[in-house]
N, C-alpha and C. Protein backbone atom coordinates (compact mmCIF):
# COMPACT_ATOMS: atom_id res chain seq x y z
N UNK A 1 -23.61 -31.22 -6.68
CA UNK A 1 -23.28 -30.56 -5.44
C UNK A 1 -22.60 -31.52 -4.48
N UNK A 2 -23.09 -32.75 -4.35
CA UNK A 2 -22.50 -33.68 -3.40
C UNK A 2 -21.10 -34.12 -3.84
N UNK A 3 -20.83 -34.16 -5.14
CA UNK A 3 -19.50 -34.50 -5.63
C UNK A 3 -18.52 -33.41 -5.24
N UNK A 4 -18.93 -32.17 -5.32
CA UNK A 4 -18.07 -31.05 -4.93
C UNK A 4 -17.76 -31.11 -3.44
N UNK A 5 -18.77 -31.41 -2.62
CA UNK A 5 -18.55 -31.52 -1.17
C UNK A 5 -17.60 -32.67 -0.85
N UNK A 6 -17.75 -33.79 -1.53
CA UNK A 6 -16.85 -34.93 -1.30
C UNK A 6 -15.42 -34.57 -1.68
N UNK A 7 -15.26 -33.87 -2.80
CA UNK A 7 -13.94 -33.45 -3.24
C UNK A 7 -13.29 -32.51 -2.22
N UNK A 8 -14.07 -31.58 -1.71
CA UNK A 8 -13.55 -30.66 -0.68
C UNK A 8 -13.18 -31.43 0.58
N UNK A 9 -14.01 -32.37 1.00
CA UNK A 9 -13.74 -33.17 2.19
C UNK A 9 -12.45 -33.97 2.04
N UNK A 10 -12.28 -34.63 0.91
CA UNK A 10 -11.08 -35.44 0.67
C UNK A 10 -9.84 -34.56 0.65
N UNK A 11 -9.93 -33.40 0.00
CA UNK A 11 -8.81 -32.47 -0.04
C UNK A 11 -8.45 -31.99 1.36
N UNK A 12 -9.45 -31.69 2.15
CA UNK A 12 -9.22 -31.24 3.52
C UNK A 12 -8.57 -32.34 4.35
N UNK A 13 -9.03 -33.58 4.20
CA UNK A 13 -8.44 -34.69 4.96
C UNK A 13 -6.97 -34.89 4.61
N UNK A 14 -6.63 -34.80 3.32
CA UNK A 14 -5.24 -34.94 2.92
C UNK A 14 -4.39 -33.79 3.44
N UNK A 15 -4.95 -32.59 3.46
CA UNK A 15 -4.22 -31.43 3.96
C UNK A 15 -3.94 -31.56 5.45
N UNK A 16 -4.94 -31.99 6.21
CA UNK A 16 -4.76 -32.13 7.65
C UNK A 16 -3.83 -33.27 8.01
N UNK A 17 -3.79 -34.31 7.22
CA UNK A 17 -2.92 -35.44 7.53
C UNK A 17 -1.45 -35.08 7.32
N UNK A 18 -1.20 -34.03 6.56
CA UNK A 18 0.18 -33.61 6.33
C UNK A 18 0.74 -32.83 7.52
N UNK A 19 -0.12 -32.35 8.42
CA UNK A 19 0.34 -31.60 9.59
C UNK A 19 0.66 -32.58 10.70
N UNK A 20 1.85 -32.50 11.25
CA UNK A 20 2.25 -33.37 12.35
C UNK A 20 1.83 -32.73 13.66
N UNK A 21 1.15 -33.47 14.50
CA UNK A 21 0.61 -32.93 15.75
C UNK A 21 1.71 -32.51 16.72
N UNK A 22 2.87 -33.15 16.68
CA UNK A 22 3.91 -32.84 17.65
C UNK A 22 4.73 -31.60 17.29
N UNK A 23 4.54 -31.05 16.12
CA UNK A 23 5.30 -29.88 15.71
C UNK A 23 4.55 -28.61 16.09
N UNK A 24 5.27 -27.68 16.69
CA UNK A 24 4.70 -26.37 16.98
C UNK A 24 4.85 -25.48 15.76
N UNK A 25 3.91 -24.58 15.56
CA UNK A 25 4.08 -23.64 14.45
C UNK A 25 5.23 -22.70 14.77
N UNK A 26 5.93 -22.26 13.75
CA UNK A 26 7.01 -21.30 13.97
C UNK A 26 6.40 -19.92 14.19
N UNK A 27 7.01 -19.17 15.09
CA UNK A 27 6.50 -17.85 15.39
C UNK A 27 6.93 -16.88 14.31
N UNK A 28 6.05 -15.98 13.93
CA UNK A 28 6.45 -15.01 12.92
C UNK A 28 7.49 -14.05 13.50
N UNK A 29 8.37 -13.59 12.66
CA UNK A 29 9.36 -12.63 13.13
C UNK A 29 8.74 -11.24 13.08
N UNK A 30 9.19 -10.41 13.95
CA UNK A 30 8.69 -9.06 13.99
C UNK A 30 9.88 -8.12 13.93
N UNK A 31 9.95 -7.30 12.92
CA UNK A 31 11.14 -6.49 12.70
C UNK A 31 11.11 -5.15 13.44
N UNK A 32 10.06 -4.87 14.15
CA UNK A 32 9.99 -3.60 14.88
C UNK A 32 11.01 -3.63 16.02
N UNK A 33 11.82 -2.62 16.12
CA UNK A 33 12.89 -2.60 17.11
C UNK A 33 12.51 -1.84 18.38
N UNK A 34 11.27 -1.49 18.54
CA UNK A 34 10.84 -0.74 19.71
C UNK A 34 11.06 -1.57 20.97
N UNK A 35 11.50 -0.93 22.02
CA UNK A 35 11.80 -1.64 23.26
C UNK A 35 10.55 -2.15 23.96
N UNK A 36 9.38 -1.65 23.60
CA UNK A 36 8.15 -2.06 24.27
C UNK A 36 7.48 -3.27 23.62
N UNK A 37 8.05 -3.80 22.54
CA UNK A 37 7.50 -4.97 21.86
C UNK A 37 8.32 -6.19 22.26
N UNK A 38 7.63 -7.30 22.55
CA UNK A 38 8.36 -8.47 23.04
C UNK A 38 7.54 -9.74 22.86
N UNK A 39 8.23 -10.85 22.53
CA UNK A 39 7.61 -12.17 22.53
C UNK A 39 7.75 -12.73 23.94
N UNK A 40 6.67 -13.29 24.48
CA UNK A 40 6.71 -13.87 25.82
C UNK A 40 6.00 -15.22 25.82
N UNK A 41 6.49 -16.11 26.66
CA UNK A 41 5.77 -17.35 26.93
C UNK A 41 5.07 -17.12 28.26
N UNK A 42 3.75 -17.26 28.27
CA UNK A 42 2.94 -16.92 29.44
C UNK A 42 1.92 -18.00 29.74
N UNK A 43 1.39 -17.95 30.95
CA UNK A 43 0.30 -18.83 31.36
C UNK A 43 -0.88 -17.93 31.71
N UNK A 44 -2.06 -18.31 31.28
CA UNK A 44 -3.27 -17.55 31.59
C UNK A 44 -3.67 -17.86 33.03
N UNK A 45 -3.93 -16.81 33.81
CA UNK A 45 -4.35 -16.99 35.20
C UNK A 45 -5.62 -16.18 35.44
N UNK A 46 -6.46 -16.70 36.32
CA UNK A 46 -7.66 -15.96 36.72
C UNK A 46 -7.39 -15.36 38.08
N UNK A 47 -7.53 -14.05 38.18
CA UNK A 47 -7.29 -13.32 39.42
C UNK A 47 -8.66 -12.92 39.99
N UNK A 48 -8.93 -13.31 41.24
CA UNK A 48 -10.26 -13.11 41.80
C UNK A 48 -10.46 -11.77 42.49
N UNK A 49 -9.51 -10.86 42.42
CA UNK A 49 -9.70 -9.55 43.04
C UNK A 49 -10.45 -8.61 42.10
N UNK A 50 -11.03 -7.57 42.66
CA UNK A 50 -11.73 -6.53 41.89
C UNK A 50 -12.80 -7.10 40.95
N UNK A 51 -13.50 -8.13 41.37
CA UNK A 51 -14.56 -8.70 40.54
C UNK A 51 -14.10 -9.83 39.64
N UNK A 52 -12.80 -10.06 39.56
CA UNK A 52 -12.25 -11.16 38.76
C UNK A 52 -11.90 -10.76 37.35
N UNK A 53 -10.74 -11.22 36.89
CA UNK A 53 -10.29 -10.93 35.53
C UNK A 53 -9.20 -11.94 35.17
N UNK A 54 -8.90 -12.01 33.87
CA UNK A 54 -7.84 -12.88 33.38
C UNK A 54 -6.58 -12.07 33.14
N UNK A 55 -5.47 -12.60 33.60
CA UNK A 55 -4.17 -11.98 33.38
C UNK A 55 -3.20 -13.01 32.83
N UNK A 56 -1.98 -12.57 32.62
CA UNK A 56 -0.93 -13.44 32.09
C UNK A 56 0.25 -13.45 33.06
N UNK A 57 0.78 -14.64 33.34
CA UNK A 57 1.97 -14.76 34.17
C UNK A 57 3.10 -15.30 33.29
N UNK A 58 4.18 -14.52 33.19
CA UNK A 58 5.32 -14.94 32.39
C UNK A 58 6.08 -16.06 33.06
N UNK A 59 6.92 -16.75 32.31
CA UNK A 59 7.73 -17.83 32.88
C UNK A 59 8.69 -17.30 33.93
N UNK A 60 8.98 -16.00 33.90
CA UNK A 60 9.85 -15.38 34.89
C UNK A 60 9.07 -14.88 36.10
N UNK A 61 7.76 -15.13 36.15
CA UNK A 61 6.94 -14.73 37.28
C UNK A 61 6.32 -13.35 37.16
N UNK A 62 6.66 -12.59 36.13
CA UNK A 62 6.09 -11.26 35.94
C UNK A 62 4.60 -11.37 35.58
N UNK A 63 3.82 -10.38 36.01
CA UNK A 63 2.39 -10.34 35.71
C UNK A 63 2.14 -9.33 34.60
N UNK A 64 1.26 -9.70 33.67
CA UNK A 64 0.88 -8.83 32.56
C UNK A 64 -0.63 -8.77 32.49
N UNK A 65 -1.16 -7.57 32.31
CA UNK A 65 -2.60 -7.37 32.23
C UNK A 65 -2.96 -6.97 30.81
N UNK A 66 -3.54 -7.90 30.03
CA UNK A 66 -3.89 -7.57 28.64
C UNK A 66 -5.08 -6.62 28.58
N UNK A 67 -5.01 -5.67 27.64
CA UNK A 67 -6.12 -4.74 27.45
C UNK A 67 -7.37 -5.49 27.02
N UNK A 68 -7.21 -6.53 26.21
CA UNK A 68 -8.34 -7.36 25.78
C UNK A 68 -7.81 -8.76 25.52
N UNK A 69 -8.38 -9.74 26.20
CA UNK A 69 -8.01 -11.13 25.96
C UNK A 69 -9.26 -11.83 25.43
N UNK A 70 -9.17 -12.32 24.22
CA UNK A 70 -10.29 -12.98 23.57
C UNK A 70 -10.84 -14.11 24.45
N UNK A 71 -12.15 -14.28 24.46
CA UNK A 71 -12.80 -15.32 25.26
C UNK A 71 -12.23 -16.71 24.98
N UNK A 72 -11.78 -16.93 23.77
CA UNK A 72 -11.22 -18.22 23.38
C UNK A 72 -10.01 -18.59 24.25
N UNK A 73 -9.25 -17.59 24.68
CA UNK A 73 -8.03 -17.83 25.46
C UNK A 73 -8.23 -17.64 26.96
N UNK A 74 -9.43 -17.39 27.40
CA UNK A 74 -9.69 -17.20 28.83
C UNK A 74 -9.90 -18.54 29.50
N UNK A 75 -8.80 -19.31 29.57
CA UNK A 75 -8.81 -20.63 30.18
C UNK A 75 -7.62 -20.70 31.13
N UNK A 76 -7.89 -20.77 32.42
CA UNK A 76 -6.81 -20.78 33.40
C UNK A 76 -5.88 -21.96 33.17
N UNK A 77 -4.58 -21.68 33.18
CA UNK A 77 -3.57 -22.70 32.97
C UNK A 77 -3.13 -22.86 31.53
N UNK A 78 -3.81 -22.22 30.60
CA UNK A 78 -3.46 -22.30 29.18
C UNK A 78 -2.11 -21.62 28.95
N UNK A 79 -1.20 -22.29 28.27
CA UNK A 79 0.12 -21.72 27.99
C UNK A 79 0.12 -21.14 26.58
N UNK A 80 0.55 -19.89 26.47
CA UNK A 80 0.55 -19.17 25.21
C UNK A 80 1.92 -18.56 24.94
N UNK A 81 2.18 -18.30 23.68
CA UNK A 81 3.30 -17.45 23.28
C UNK A 81 2.65 -16.24 22.63
N UNK A 82 2.98 -15.06 23.15
CA UNK A 82 2.31 -13.85 22.71
C UNK A 82 3.31 -12.78 22.30
N UNK A 83 2.94 -12.02 21.29
CA UNK A 83 3.69 -10.82 20.93
C UNK A 83 2.94 -9.68 21.57
N UNK A 84 3.59 -9.01 22.52
CA UNK A 84 2.93 -7.95 23.26
C UNK A 84 3.58 -6.60 23.02
N UNK A 85 2.80 -5.59 23.26
CA UNK A 85 3.30 -4.22 23.28
C UNK A 85 3.05 -3.71 24.70
N UNK A 86 4.12 -3.32 25.38
CA UNK A 86 4.01 -2.85 26.77
C UNK A 86 3.66 -1.36 26.81
N UNK A 87 2.88 -1.01 27.83
CA UNK A 87 2.53 0.38 28.08
C UNK A 87 2.95 0.72 29.51
N UNK A 88 4.25 0.99 29.74
CA UNK A 88 4.73 1.18 31.11
C UNK A 88 4.11 2.38 31.81
N UNK A 89 3.67 3.39 31.08
CA UNK A 89 3.10 4.58 31.69
C UNK A 89 1.61 4.44 32.00
N UNK A 90 0.99 3.39 31.50
CA UNK A 90 -0.46 3.21 31.66
C UNK A 90 -0.77 2.43 32.92
N UNK A 91 -1.76 2.87 33.66
CA UNK A 91 -2.19 2.21 34.89
C UNK A 91 -3.59 1.65 34.67
N UNK A 92 -3.97 0.72 35.54
CA UNK A 92 -5.26 0.06 35.40
C UNK A 92 -6.03 0.08 36.72
N UNK A 93 -7.31 -0.01 36.62
CA UNK A 93 -8.19 -0.12 37.78
C UNK A 93 -7.84 -1.35 38.61
N UNK A 94 -7.40 -2.41 37.95
CA UNK A 94 -7.11 -3.67 38.64
C UNK A 94 -5.82 -3.63 39.45
N UNK A 95 -4.90 -2.75 39.10
CA UNK A 95 -3.63 -2.62 39.80
C UNK A 95 -2.91 -3.97 39.94
N UNK A 96 -2.85 -4.69 38.85
CA UNK A 96 -2.21 -6.01 38.84
C UNK A 96 -1.47 -6.15 37.53
N UNK A 97 -0.17 -6.23 37.58
CA UNK A 97 0.62 -6.47 36.38
C UNK A 97 0.80 -5.26 35.50
N UNK A 98 1.65 -5.43 34.52
CA UNK A 98 1.93 -4.38 33.55
C UNK A 98 0.90 -4.45 32.41
N UNK A 99 0.36 -3.31 32.06
CA UNK A 99 -0.66 -3.25 31.00
C UNK A 99 0.01 -3.52 29.65
N UNK A 100 -0.57 -4.46 28.88
CA UNK A 100 -0.03 -4.83 27.57
C UNK A 100 -1.16 -4.97 26.56
N UNK A 101 -0.81 -4.80 25.29
CA UNK A 101 -1.72 -5.10 24.19
C UNK A 101 -1.15 -6.32 23.48
N UNK A 102 -1.98 -7.32 23.26
CA UNK A 102 -1.55 -8.53 22.56
C UNK A 102 -1.77 -8.34 21.07
N UNK A 103 -0.71 -8.55 20.29
CA UNK A 103 -0.82 -8.40 18.84
C UNK A 103 -0.87 -9.75 18.12
N UNK A 104 -0.34 -10.79 18.76
CA UNK A 104 -0.31 -12.11 18.11
C UNK A 104 -0.29 -13.17 19.21
N UNK A 105 -1.06 -14.23 19.04
CA UNK A 105 -1.14 -15.31 20.04
C UNK A 105 -0.93 -16.65 19.34
N UNK A 106 -0.10 -17.48 19.96
CA UNK A 106 0.08 -18.87 19.54
C UNK A 106 -0.12 -19.74 20.78
N UNK A 107 -1.02 -20.72 20.71
CA UNK A 107 -1.18 -21.64 21.81
C UNK A 107 0.06 -22.52 21.84
N UNK A 108 0.72 -22.56 22.98
CA UNK A 108 2.00 -23.27 23.10
C UNK A 108 1.78 -24.78 23.07
N UNK A 109 2.68 -25.47 22.39
CA UNK A 109 2.61 -26.92 22.29
C UNK A 109 3.28 -27.61 23.48
N UNK A 110 4.17 -26.94 24.16
CA UNK A 110 4.89 -27.55 25.28
C UNK A 110 4.19 -27.27 26.58
């Protein structure tokens, strides 16, 4: 059993050493042509109104309100690249930003 664990550990170390820390992962392409789907570079912000919630601020200053943001990404100032689906007709209790569903998240390297 311990030989198997050592072999797995060594394999994992060699695999991780092949990844360069300064390289960002490439974003997957999405072939859906719907106008409501979009890749965005955003910053996570905490908004203290209405009891407090996490939102996204785009590099262009636009506000986006995710339907669900995983606890892992609820860190103010965290920069993400997200594939979102916009719901322009949907309104929210928070009345802050455009309601979006996040389909893919990449923590930004820059």
